[in-house]
């Protein structure tokens, strides 16, 4: 038995589906009607910049534990800590 790809609604992708999708693409799409897919939520007023930071193993472990305890992620914990530090600096 072969694994068949499926559409986002679970329909198996067979030759008929491929032909329908190709015909639709050839007719063209109205960009205004296309739904936006996921992606990251914007941070602040402009595109966010990635800033690499090196952490020693102990600090990395503490960061991940804190993120887990707050049901958050490492990036959000770092942003919150930086904002707090900048307010007091």
Protein backbone atom coordinates (compact mmCIF):
# COMPACT_ATOMS: atom_id res chain seq x y z
CA UNK A 1 0.00 0.00 0.00
CA UNK A 2 1.42 3.41 -0.91
CA UNK A 3 1.11 6.54 1.20
CA UNK A 4 -1.01 9.04 -0.69
CA UNK A 5 -0.78 12.75 -0.03
CA UNK A 6 -3.94 14.46 1.14
CA UNK A 7 -5.45 17.91 0.79
CA UNK A 8 -5.83 20.17 3.83
CA UNK A 9 -9.35 18.75 4.19
CA UNK A 10 -8.11 15.16 4.12
CA UNK A 11 -9.07 14.30 0.54
CA UNK A 12 -6.56 11.97 -1.16
CA UNK A 13 -4.55 13.77 -3.86
CA UNK A 14 -5.09 11.73 -7.02
CA UNK A 15 -4.77 12.64 -10.70
CA UNK A 16 -8.25 14.20 -10.71
CA UNK A 17 -7.40 16.51 -7.81
CA UNK A 18 -4.10 17.48 -9.43
CA UNK A 19 -5.89 18.38 -12.68
CA UNK A 20 -8.48 20.46 -10.79
CA UNK A 21 -5.78 22.33 -8.89
CA UNK A 22 -3.76 22.93 -12.06
CA UNK A 23 -6.82 24.29 -13.89
CA UNK A 24 -7.59 26.57 -10.96
CA UNK A 25 -4.01 27.86 -10.92
CA UNK A 26 -4.05 28.49 -14.67
CA UNK A 27 -7.21 30.60 -14.29
CA UNK A 28 -5.35 32.68 -11.72
CA UNK A 29 -6.10 33.70 -8.16
CA UNK A 30 -7.53 36.85 -6.66
CA UNK A 31 -4.84 37.69 -4.12
CA UNK A 32 -7.37 39.56 -1.99
CA UNK A 33 -9.39 36.39 -1.48
CA UNK A 34 -6.49 34.13 -0.54
CA UNK A 35 -6.50 33.33 3.14
CA UNK A 36 -3.43 34.18 5.14
CA UNK A 37 -1.66 31.16 6.49
CA UNK A 38 -0.13 31.09 9.93
CA UNK A 39 3.20 32.77 10.14
CA UNK A 40 4.50 34.62 13.11
CA UNK A 41 2.56 37.35 14.79
CA UNK A 42 4.17 40.77 14.36
CA UNK A 43 6.11 42.10 17.33
CA UNK A 44 5.83 45.82 17.89
CA UNK A 45 5.48 48.35 15.11
CA UNK A 46 7.85 46.83 12.56
CA UNK A 47 9.35 43.54 11.48
CA UNK A 48 11.25 41.88 14.29
CA UNK A 49 14.97 41.22 14.06
CA UNK A 50 16.58 38.00 15.22
CA UNK A 51 19.37 38.55 17.75
CA UNK A 52 21.44 35.44 18.45
CA UNK A 53 22.47 35.03 22.07
CA UNK A 54 24.87 32.44 23.48
CA UNK A 55 23.90 30.91 26.82
CA UNK A 56 25.89 28.62 29.08
CA UNK A 57 24.15 25.31 29.85
CA UNK A 58 22.99 26.37 33.32
CA UNK A 59 21.42 29.61 32.08
CA UNK A 60 19.81 27.79 29.14
CA UNK A 61 18.35 25.18 31.51
CA UNK A 62 17.00 27.88 33.84
CA UNK A 63 15.50 29.76 30.89
CA UNK A 64 13.71 26.68 29.58
CA UNK A 65 12.44 25.76 33.06
CA UNK A 66 11.09 29.30 33.52
CA UNK A 67 9.42 29.24 30.11
CA UNK A 68 7.84 25.88 30.88
CA UNK A 69 6.59 27.04 34.28
CA UNK A 70 5.00 30.11 32.66
CA UNK A 71 3.54 28.10 29.76
CA UNK A 72 5.60 30.30 27.46
CA UNK A 73 8.71 29.96 25.32
CA UNK A 74 12.33 31.02 25.68
CA UNK A 75 11.98 34.00 23.32
CA UNK A 76 9.05 35.47 25.24
CA UNK A 77 10.82 35.02 28.59
CA UNK A 78 13.91 36.76 27.21
CA UNK A 79 11.84 39.65 25.78
CA UNK A 80 9.97 40.08 29.08
CA UNK A 81 13.23 40.04 31.08
CA UNK A 82 14.86 42.55 28.73
CA UNK A 83 11.87 44.91 28.92
CA UNK A 84 11.92 44.70 32.74
CA UNK A 85 15.66 45.35 32.85
CA UNK A 86 15.39 48.32 30.47
CA UNK A 87 12.61 49.88 32.58
CA UNK A 88 14.86 49.81 35.65
CA UNK A 89 18.13 50.74 33.94
